PDB file of N, CA and C in Angstrom:
ATOM      1  N   MET A   1      14.646 -40.657  96.409  1.00  0.00           N
ATOM      2  CA  MET A   1      16.166 -41.482  95.990  1.00  0.00           C
ATOM      3  C   MET A   1      16.312 -40.499  94.325  1.00  0.00           C
ATOM      4  N   TYR A   2      17.644 -40.154  94.278  1.00  0.00           N
ATOM      5  CA  TYR A   2      18.106 -39.556  92.924  1.00  0.00           C
ATOM      6  C   TYR A   2      18.104 -40.796  91.933  1.00  0.00           C
ATOM      7  N   GLN A   3      17.772 -40.263  90.773  1.00  0.00           N
ATOM      8  CA  GLN A   3      17.865 -41.173  89.580  1.00  0.00           C
ATOM      9  C   GLN A   3      18.691 -40.607  88.461  1.00  0.00           C
ATOM     10  N   THR A   4      19.366 -41.420  87.656  1.00  0.00           N
ATOM     11  CA  THR A   4      20.063 -40.827  86.840  1.00  0.00           C
ATOM     12  C   THR A   4      19.316 -40.666  85.552  1.00  0.00           C
ATOM     13  N   PRO A   5      19.146 -39.332  84.482  1.00  0.00           N
ATOM     14  CA  PRO A   5      18.348 -39.102  83.972  1.00  0.00           C
ATOM     15  C   PRO A   5      18.650 -40.322  82.305  1.00  0.00           C
ATOM     16  N   THR A   6      17.603 -40.761  81.819  1.00  0.00           N
ATOM     17  CA  THR A   6      17.592 -41.524  80.730  1.00  0.00           C
ATOM     18  C   THR A   6      17.016 -40.889  79.618  1.00  0.00           C
ATOM     19  N   PHE A   7      17.591 -40.654  78.497  1.00  0.00           N
ATOM     20  CA  PHE A   7      16.626 -40.198  77.329  1.00  0.00           C
ATOM     21  C   PHE A   7      16.942 -41.789  76.279  1.00  0.00           C
ATOM     22  N   VAL A   8      15.455 -41.790  75.747  1.00  0.00           N
ATOM     23  CA  VAL A   8      15.343 -42.939  74.853  1.00  0.00           C
ATOM     24  C   VAL A   8      14.605 -42.511  73.749  1.00  0.00           C
ATOM     25  N   PHE A   9      15.285 -42.694  72.490  1.00  0.00           N
ATOM     26  CA  PHE A   9      15.120 -42.311  71.197  1.00  0.00           C
ATOM     27  C   PHE A   9      15.038 -43.701  70.496  1.00  0.00           C
ATOM     28  N   THR A  10      14.058 -43.356  69.240  1.00  0.00           N
ATOM     29  CA  THR A  10      13.700 -44.539  68.220  1.00  0.00           C
ATOM     30  C   THR A  10      14.063 -44.120  67.098  1.00  0.00           C
ATOM     31  N   ARG A  11      14.978 -44.258  66.191  1.00  0.00           N
ATOM     32  CA  ARG A  11      14.947 -43.784  65.032  1.00  0.00           C
ATOM     33  C   ARG A  11      14.237 -44.285  63.760  1.00  0.00           C
ATOM     34  N   PRO A  12      14.005 -43.319  63.001  1.00  0.00           N
ATOM     35  CA  PRO A  12      12.891 -42.992  62.137  1.00  0.00           C
ATOM     36  C   PRO A  12      12.998 -44.647  61.238  1.00  0.00           C
ATOM     37  N   GLY A  13      12.090 -45.098  61.149  1.00  0.00           N
ATOM     38  CA  GLY A  13      12.411 -46.887  60.185  1.00  0.00           C
ATOM     39  C   GLY A  13      13.001 -47.707  60.947  1.00  0.00           C
ATOM     40  N   GLN A  14      13.601 -47.727  62.270  1.00  0.00           N
ATOM     41  CA  GLN A  14      14.195 -48.815  62.939  1.00  0.00           C
ATOM     42  C   GLN A  14      13.837 -49.130  64.213  1.00  0.00           C
ATOM     43  N   ALA A  15      13.531 -50.544  64.464  1.00  0.00           N
ATOM     44  CA  ALA A  15      12.887 -50.858  65.520  1.00  0.00           C
ATOM     45  C   ALA A  15      13.965 -50.790  66.955  1.00  0.00           C
ATOM     46  N   THR A  16      15.164 -50.489  66.829  1.00  0.00           N
ATOM     47  CA  THR A  16      16.184 -50.309  68.106  1.00  0.00           C
ATOM     48  C   THR A  16      15.892 -49.096  68.597  1.00  0.00           C
ATOM     49  N   ARG A  17      15.655 -49.265  69.889  1.00  0.00           N
ATOM     50  CA  ARG A  17      15.544 -47.797  70.457  1.00  0.00           C
ATOM     51  C   ARG A  17      17.048 -47.681  71.411  1.00  0.00           C
ATOM     52  N   LEU A  18      17.441 -46.211  71.394  1.00  0.00           N
ATOM     53  CA  LEU A  18      18.634 -46.104  71.748  1.00  0.00           C
ATOM     54  C   LEU A  18      18.282 -45.271  73.020  1.00  0.00           C
ATOM     55  N   ALA A  19      19.384 -45.658  73.849  1.00  0.00           N
ATOM     56  CA  ALA A  19      19.006 -45.116  75.495  1.00  0.00           C
ATOM     57  C   ALA A  19      20.374 -44.403  75.746  1.00  0.00           C
ATOM     58  N   PHE A  20      20.438 -43.245  76.291  1.00  0.00           N
ATOM     59  CA  PHE A  20      21.512 -42.393  76.624  1.00  0.00           C
ATOM     60  C   PHE A  20      21.466 -42.115  78.425  1.00  0.00           C
ATOM     61  N   ARG A  21      22.419 -42.638  78.913  1.00  0.00           N
ATOM     62  CA  ARG A  21      22.308 -42.937  80.456  1.00  0.00           C
ATOM     63  C   ARG A  21      23.630 -42.376  80.906  1.00  0.00           C
ATOM     64  N   PHE A  22      23.283 -41.996  82.357  1.00  0.00           N
ATOM     65  CA  PHE A  22      24.846 -41.603  83.083  1.00  0.00           C
ATOM     66  C   PHE A  22      25.565 -40.387  82.124  1.00  0.00           C
ATOM     67  N   PRO A  23      25.096 -39.087  82.384  1.00  0.00           N
ATOM     68  CA  PRO A  23      25.606 -37.532  81.533  1.00  0.00           C
ATOM     69  C   PRO A  23      26.672 -37.521  82.258  1.00  0.00           C
ATOM     70  N   VAL A  24      27.854 -36.908  81.534  1.00  0.00           N
ATOM     71  CA  VAL A  24      29.211 -36.626  82.061  1.00  0.00           C
ATOM     72  C   VAL A  24      29.092 -35.110  82.064  1.00  0.00           C
ATOM     73  N   ALA A  25      28.122 -34.214  81.700  1.00  0.00           N
ATOM     74  CA  ALA A  25      27.906 -33.266  82.257  1.00  0.00           C
ATOM     75  C   ALA A  25      26.046 -33.061  82.338  1.00  0.00           C
ATOM     76  N   GLN A  26      25.869 -31.906  83.197  1.00  0.00           N
ATOM     77  CA  GLN A  26      24.464 -31.037  83.095  1.00  0.00           C
ATOM     78  C   GLN A  26      24.314 -30.195  83.272  1.00  0.00           C
ATOM     79  N   TRP A  27      23.450 -29.192  82.994  1.00  0.00           N
ATOM     80  CA  TRP A  27      23.454 -28.053  83.398  1.00  0.00           C
ATOM     81  C   TRP A  27      21.801 -27.501  82.648  1.00  0.00           C
ATOM     82  N   SER A  28      21.357 -26.086  83.515  1.00  0.00           N
ATOM     83  CA  SER A  28      20.340 -25.641  83.020  1.00  0.00           C
ATOM     84  C   SER A  28      20.292 -24.272  83.079  1.00  0.00           C
ATOM     85  N   VAL A  29      19.376 -23.687  81.978  1.00  0.00           N
ATOM     86  CA  VAL A  29      19.157 -22.023  81.488  1.00  0.00           C
ATOM     87  C   VAL A  29      17.905 -21.705  82.417  1.00  0.00           C
ATOM     88  N   THR A  30      17.968 -20.747  83.048  1.00  0.00           N
ATOM     89  CA  THR A  30      17.076 -19.722  83.729  1.00  0.00           C
ATOM     90  C   THR A  30      16.819 -18.658  83.392  1.00  0.00           C
ATOM     91  N   ARG A  31      17.508 -18.169  82.526  1.00  0.00           N
ATOM     92  CA  ARG A  31      17.549 -16.872  81.817  1.00  0.00           C
ATOM     93  C   ARG A  31      17.508 -16.841  79.959  1.00  0.00           C
ATOM     94  N   GLU A  32      16.810 -16.122  79.648  1.00  0.00           N
ATOM     95  CA  GLU A  32      16.713 -15.979  77.882  1.00  0.00           C
ATOM     96  C   GLU A  32      18.298 -15.786  77.569  1.00  0.00           C
ATOM     97  N   ALA A  33      18.713 -14.889  78.296  1.00  0.00           N
ATOM     98  CA  ALA A  33      20.207 -14.224  77.870  1.00  0.00           C
ATOM     99  C   ALA A  33      21.282 -15.564  78.040  1.00  0.00           C
ATOM    100  N   ASP A  34      21.001 -16.371  78.411  1.00  0.00           N
ATOM    101  CA  ASP A  34      22.000 -17.462  78.863  1.00  0.00           C
ATOM    102  C   ASP A  34      22.278 -18.675  77.400  1.00  0.00           C
ATOM    103  N   PHE A  35      20.960 -18.557  76.795  1.00  0.00           N
ATOM    104  CA  PHE A  35      20.842 -19.663  75.410  1.00  0.00           C
ATOM    105  C   PHE A  35      22.195 -19.613  74.569  1.00  0.00           C
ATOM    106  N   PRO A  36      22.577 -18.238  73.979  1.00  0.00           N
ATOM    107  CA  PRO A  36      23.510 -18.302  73.088  1.00  0.00           C
ATOM    108  C   PRO A  36      24.897 -18.955  73.899  1.00  0.00           C
ATOM    109  N   GLU A  37      25.213 -18.739  75.366  1.00  0.00           N
ATOM    110  CA  GLU A  37      26.782 -19.268  75.321  1.00  0.00           C
ATOM    111  C   GLU A  37      26.068 -20.952  75.714  1.00  0.00           C
ATOM    112  N   SER A  38      24.928 -21.210  75.986  1.00  0.00           N
ATOM    113  CA  SER A  38      24.624 -22.959  76.227  1.00  0.00           C
ATOM    114  C   SER A  38      24.912 -23.483  74.946  1.00  0.00           C
ATOM    115  N   PHE A  39      24.164 -22.849  73.870  1.00  0.00           N
ATOM    116  CA  PHE A  39      24.439 -23.306  72.401  1.00  0.00           C
ATOM    117  C   PHE A  39      25.993 -23.476  72.136  1.00  0.00           C
ATOM    118  N   ALA A  40      26.808 -22.501  72.638  1.00  0.00           N
ATOM    119  CA  ALA A  40      28.269 -22.404  72.140  1.00  0.00           C
ATOM    120  C   ALA A  40      28.788 -23.876  73.091  1.00  0.00           C
ATOM    121  N   ARG A  41      28.349 -23.883  74.123  1.00  0.00           N
ATOM    122  CA  ARG A  41      28.827 -24.949  74.876  1.00  0.00           C
ATOM    123  C   ARG A  41      28.523 -26.496  74.286  1.00  0.00           C
ATOM    124  N   VAL A  42      27.343 -26.425  73.678  1.00  0.00           N
ATOM    125  CA  VAL A  42      26.670 -27.912  73.274  1.00  0.00           C
ATOM    126  C   VAL A  42      27.680 -28.178  71.906  1.00  0.00           C
ATOM    127  N   ALA A  43      27.849 -26.995  71.181  1.00  0.00           N
ATOM    128  CA  ALA A  43      28.896 -27.195  69.941  1.00  0.00           C
ATOM    129  C   ALA A  43      29.873 -27.617  70.385  1.00  0.00           C
ATOM    130  N   GLU A  44      30.529 -27.167  71.549  1.00  0.00           N
ATOM    131  CA  GLU A  44      32.010 -27.558  71.565  1.00  0.00           C
ATOM    132  C   GLU A  44      31.798 -29.271  71.925  1.00  0.00           C
ATOM    133  N   PHE A  45      30.861 -29.580  73.024  1.00  0.00           N
ATOM    134  CA  PHE A  45      30.626 -31.061  73.228  1.00  0.00           C
ATOM    135  C   PHE A  45      30.716 -31.789  71.781  1.00  0.00           C
ATOM    136  N   GLN A  46      29.587 -31.381  71.202  1.00  0.00           N
ATOM    137  CA  GLN A  46      29.351 -31.958  70.070  1.00  0.00           C
ATOM    138  C   GLN A  46      30.802 -32.533  69.302  1.00  0.00           C
ATOM    139  N   ALA A  47      31.560 -31.151  68.985  1.00  0.00           N
ATOM    140  CA  ALA A  47      32.999 -31.212  67.948  1.00  0.00           C
ATOM    141  C   ALA A  47      33.659 -32.308  68.746  1.00  0.00           C
ATOM    142  N   ASP A  48      33.631 -32.613  70.185  1.00  0.00           N
ATOM    143  CA  ASP A  48      34.302 -33.588  71.225  1.00  0.00           C
ATOM    144  C   ASP A  48      33.582 -34.658  70.421  1.00  0.00           C
ATOM    145  N   GLY A  49      32.624 -35.037  69.963  1.00  0.00           N
ATOM    146  CA  GLY A  49      31.961 -36.461  69.528  1.00  0.00           C
ATOM    147  C   GLY A  49      30.974 -37.209  70.693  1.00  0.00           C
ATOM    148  N   TYR A  50      30.952 -36.056  71.708  1.00  0.00           N
ATOM    149  CA  TYR A  50      29.510 -36.215  72.583  1.00  0.00           C
ATOM    150  C   TYR A  50      28.291 -35.918  72.244  1.00  0.00           C
ATOM    151  N   TYR A  51      27.479 -36.669  72.632  1.00  0.00           N
ATOM    152  CA  TYR A  51      25.618 -36.734  72.276  1.00  0.00           C
ATOM    153  C   TYR A  51      25.131 -35.221  73.432  1.00  0.00           C
ATOM    154  N   VAL A  52      24.427 -34.440  72.912  1.00  0.00           N
ATOM    155  CA  VAL A  52      23.664 -33.928  73.644  1.00  0.00           C
ATOM    156  C   VAL A  52      21.882 -33.723  73.774  1.00  0.00           C
ATOM    157  N   ALA A  53      21.541 -34.110  74.681  1.00  0.00           N
ATOM    158  CA  ALA A  53      20.285 -34.075  75.035  1.00  0.00           C
ATOM    159  C   ALA A  53      19.460 -32.961  75.763  1.00  0.00           C
ATOM    160  N   MET A  54      18.488 -31.936  75.049  1.00  0.00           N
ATOM    161  CA  MET A  54      17.801 -31.036  75.809  1.00  0.00           C
ATOM    162  C   MET A  54      16.287 -31.113  76.186  1.00  0.00           C
ATOM    163  N   VAL A  55      16.043 -30.504  77.241  1.00  0.00           N
ATOM    164  CA  VAL A  55      14.731 -30.541  77.321  1.00  0.00           C
ATOM    165  C   VAL A  55      14.185 -28.948  77.383  1.00  0.00           C
ATOM    166  N   LEU A  56      13.661 -28.505  76.613  1.00  0.00           N
ATOM    167  CA  LEU A  56      13.029 -27.259  76.433  1.00  0.00           C
ATOM    168  C   LEU A  56      11.834 -27.035  76.810  1.00  0.00           C
ATOM    169  N   SER A  57      11.563 -25.790  77.656  1.00  0.00           N
ATOM    170  CA  SER A  57      10.213 -25.611  78.181  1.00  0.00           C
ATOM    171  C   SER A  57       9.522 -24.091  77.203  1.00  0.00           C
ATOM    172  N   TYR A  58       8.238 -24.531  77.354  1.00  0.00           N
ATOM    173  CA  TYR A  58       7.204 -23.705  76.430  1.00  0.00           C
ATOM    174  C   TYR A  58       7.566 -22.077  76.511  1.00  0.00           C
ATOM    175  N   GLU A  59       8.077 -21.964  78.043  1.00  0.00           N
ATOM    176  CA  GLU A  59       8.242 -20.787  78.118  1.00  0.00           C
ATOM    177  C   GLU A  59       9.529 -20.151  77.559  1.00  0.00           C
ATOM    178  N   ALA A  60      10.394 -21.150  77.026  1.00  0.00           N
ATOM    179  CA  ALA A  60      11.939 -20.475  76.502  1.00  0.00           C
ATOM    180  C   ALA A  60      11.422 -19.859  75.175  1.00  0.00           C
ATOM    181  N   ALA A  61      10.357 -19.683  74.421  1.00  0.00           N
ATOM    182  CA  ALA A  61      10.422 -19.512  73.323  1.00  0.00           C
ATOM    183  C   ALA A  61      11.132 -18.075  72.799  1.00  0.00           C
ATOM    184  N   ARG A  62      10.923 -17.040  73.996  1.00  0.00           N
ATOM    185  CA  ARG A  62      11.362 -15.867  74.090  1.00  0.00           C
ATOM    186  C   ARG A  62      13.011 -15.772  73.922  1.00  0.00           C
ATOM    187  N   GLY A  63      13.663 -16.940  74.268  1.00  0.00           N
ATOM    188  CA  GLY A  63      14.924 -16.999  74.135  1.00  0.00           C
ATOM    189  C   GLY A  63      15.601 -17.360  72.824  1.00  0.00           C
ATOM    190  N   PHE A  64      14.522 -17.745  71.768  1.00  0.00           N
ATOM    191  CA  PHE A  64      14.785 -17.732  70.527  1.00  0.00           C
ATOM    192  C   PHE A  64      14.203 -16.810  69.578  1.00  0.00           C
ATOM    193  N   ASP A  65      13.030 -16.112  69.888  1.00  0.00           N
ATOM    194  CA  ASP A  65      12.572 -15.135  69.111  1.00  0.00           C
ATOM    195  C   ASP A  65      12.272 -14.234  70.093  1.00  0.00           C
ATOM    196  N   GLN A  66      12.417 -12.767  70.270  1.00  0.00           N
ATOM    197  CA  GLN A  66      11.985 -12.009  71.375  1.00  0.00           C
ATOM    198  C   GLN A  66      10.349 -11.364  70.729  1.00  0.00           C
ATOM    199  N   ALA A  67       9.851 -11.579  69.544  1.00  0.00           N
ATOM    200  CA  ALA A  67       8.645 -11.581  69.112  1.00  0.00           C
ATOM    201  C   ALA A  67       7.834 -12.553  69.666  1.00  0.00           C
ATOM    202  N   LEU A  68       8.118 -13.408  70.067  1.00  0.00           N
ATOM    203  CA  LEU A  68       7.078 -14.546  70.889  1.00  0.00           C
ATOM    204  C   LEU A  68       6.982 -14.002  72.124  1.00  0.00           C
ATOM    205  N   SER A  69       5.658 -14.723  72.347  1.00  0.00           N
ATOM    206  CA  SER A  69       5.351 -14.249  73.948  1.00  0.00           C
ATOM    207  C   SER A  69       5.269 -15.418  74.613  1.00  0.00           C
ATOM    208  N   ALA A  70       5.192 -15.263  75.780  1.00  0.00           N
ATOM    209  CA  ALA A  70       5.222 -16.766  76.920  1.00  0.00           C
ATOM    210  C   ALA A  70       5.342 -16.211  78.297  1.00  0.00           C
ATOM    211  N   HIS A  71       4.704 -17.259  79.031  1.00  0.00           N
ATOM    212  CA  HIS A  71       4.663 -17.078  80.606  1.00  0.00           C
ATOM    213  C   HIS A  71       5.957 -17.027  80.867  1.00  0.00           C
ATOM    214  N   LEU A  72       6.352 -16.240  82.324  1.00  0.00           N
ATOM    215  CA  LEU A  72       7.648 -16.524  82.604  1.00  0.00           C
ATOM    216  C   LEU A  72       7.496 -17.733  83.627  1.00  0.00           C
ATOM    217  N   PRO A  73       8.722 -18.454  83.508  1.00  0.00           N
ATOM    218  CA  PRO A  73       8.691 -19.833  84.115  1.00  0.00           C
ATOM    219  C   PRO A  73       8.753 -19.331  85.671  1.00  0.00           C
ATOM    220  N   HIS A  74       8.204 -20.144  86.650  1.00  0.00           N
ATOM    221  CA  HIS A  74       8.142 -20.108  88.134  1.00  0.00           C
ATOM    222  C   HIS A  74       9.029 -21.149  88.887  1.00  0.00           C
ATOM    223  N   LEU A  75       8.793 -22.420  88.258  1.00  0.00           N
ATOM    224  CA  LEU A  75       9.334 -23.750  89.012  1.00  0.00           C
ATOM    225  C   LEU A  75      10.383 -24.456  87.943  1.00  0.00           C
ATOM    226  N   LEU A  76      10.456 -24.463  86.998  1.00  0.00           N
ATOM    227  CA  LEU A  76      11.403 -24.942  86.145  1.00  0.00           C
ATOM    228  C   LEU A  76      12.329 -24.063  85.295  1.00  0.00           C
ATOM    229  N   PRO A  77      13.441 -24.684  84.730  1.00  0.00           N
ATOM    230  CA  PRO A  77      14.180 -23.885  84.166  1.00  0.00           C
ATOM    231  C   PRO A  77      13.579 -23.792  82.639  1.00  0.00           C
ATOM    232  N   LEU A  78      14.337 -22.939  82.379  1.00  0.00           N
ATOM    233  CA  LEU A  78      13.924 -22.880  80.316  1.00  0.00           C
ATOM    234  C   LEU A  78      14.407 -23.870  79.623  1.00  0.00           C
ATOM    235  N   ALA A  79      15.484 -24.733  80.148  1.00  0.00           N
ATOM    236  CA  ALA A  79      15.698 -25.711  79.445  1.00  0.00           C
ATOM    237  C   ALA A  79      16.945 -26.265  80.320  1.00  0.00           C
ATOM    238  N   TRP A  80      17.183 -27.605  80.027  1.00  0.00           N
ATOM    239  CA  TRP A  80      18.130 -28.560  80.684  1.00  0.00           C
ATOM    240  C   TRP A  80      18.534 -29.276  79.503  1.00  0.00           C
ATOM    241  N   PHE A  81      19.878 -29.187  79.848  1.00  0.00           N
ATOM    242  CA  PHE A  81      21.076 -30.061  79.245  1.00  0.00           C
ATOM    243  C   PHE A  81      21.499 -31.149  79.757  1.00  0.00           C
ATOM    244  N   ALA A  82      21.618 -32.394  78.916  1.00  0.00           N
ATOM    245  CA  ALA A  82      22.693 -33.186  79.413  1.00  0.00           C
ATOM    246  C   ALA A  82      23.715 -33.779  78.228  1.00  0.00           C
ATOM    247  N   VAL A  83      24.492 -34.226  78.770  1.00  0.00           N
ATOM    248  CA  VAL A  83      25.891 -34.904  77.548  1.00  0.00           C
ATOM    249  C   VAL A  83      26.129 -36.303  78.076  1.00  0.00           C
ATOM    250  N   PHE A  84      26.347 -36.908  76.733  1.00  0.00           N
ATOM    251  CA  PHE A  84      26.581 -38.226  76.939  1.00  0.00           C
ATOM    252  C   PHE A  84      27.623 -38.772  76.046  1.00  0.00           C
ATOM    253  N   LYS A  85      28.270 -39.908  76.813  1.00  0.00           N
ATOM    254  CA  LYS A  85      29.210 -40.189  75.608  1.00  0.00           C
ATOM    255  C   LYS A  85      29.102 -41.125  74.768  1.00  0.00           C
ATOM    256  N   GLN A  86      27.888 -41.785  74.687  1.00  0.00           N
ATOM    257  CA  GLN A  86      27.443 -42.365  73.719  1.00  0.00           C
ATOM    258  C   GLN A  86      26.130 -43.215  73.986  1.00  0.00           C
ATOM    259  N   PRO A  87      25.411 -43.695  72.959  1.00  0.00           N
ATOM    260  CA  PRO A  87      24.130 -44.465  73.367  1.00  0.00           C
ATOM    261  C   PRO A  87      24.346 -45.675  73.650  1.00  0.00           C
ATOM    262  N   CYS A  88      23.268 -46.780  74.189  1.00  0.00           N
ATOM    263  CA  CYS A  88      23.604 -48.143  73.972  1.00  0.00           C
ATOM    264  C   CYS A  88      21.973 -48.531  73.632  1.00  0.00           C
ATOM    265  N   GLU A  89      21.618 -49.707  73.177  1.00  0.00           N
ATOM    266  CA  GLU A  89      20.066 -50.180  72.934  1.00  0.00           C
ATOM    267  C   GLU A  89      19.701 -50.227  74.345  1.00  0.00           C
ATOM    268  N   PHE A  90      18.269 -49.537  74.138  1.00  0.00           N
ATOM    269  CA  PHE A  90      17.263 -49.662  75.677  1.00  0.00           C
ATOM    270  C   PHE A  90      17.060 -50.607  76.275  1.00  0.00           C
ATOM    271  N   GLY A  91      17.279 -50.821  77.451  1.00  0.00           N
ATOM    272  CA  GLY A  91      17.582 -51.985  78.159  1.00  0.00           C
ATOM    273  C   GLY A  91      18.778 -52.241  78.635  1.00  0.00           C
ATOM    274  N   CYS A  92      19.714 -51.528  78.350  1.00  0.00           N
ATOM    275  CA  CYS A  92      21.217 -51.903  78.520  1.00  0.00           C
ATOM    276  C   CYS A  92      21.374 -51.329  79.983  1.00  0.00           C
ATOM    277  N   SER A  93      22.736 -51.791  80.761  1.00  0.00           N
ATOM    278  CA  SER A  93      22.691 -51.301  81.949  1.00  0.00           C
ATOM    279  C   SER A  93      24.135 -50.091  82.036  1.00  0.00           C
ATOM    280  N   GLY A  94      24.475 -50.011  80.904  1.00  0.00           N
ATOM    281  CA  GLY A  94      25.815 -49.078  81.043  1.00  0.00           C
ATOM    282  C   GLY A  94      25.570 -48.021  79.847  1.00  0.00           C
TER     283      GLY A  94
END
């Protein structure tokens, strides 16, 4: 069964947790060379008022600095991005 990705964040000094659910866009990066294009896409979404979450693998290090070493990924993408309209309090349905 497919489940909608949910990201939950707690802001420092606050008890309320924010949940990001039902992304309006999602994509992944499988090649180091695709990071600049993905970050440009992130900037466009943020300029339009959206929130963007990213899951980054350890193996993505070389996408930021070629001097760093990392194993080549086999099963997972280097990064996964999700775009959200707005957060709600954790436990919300929307």
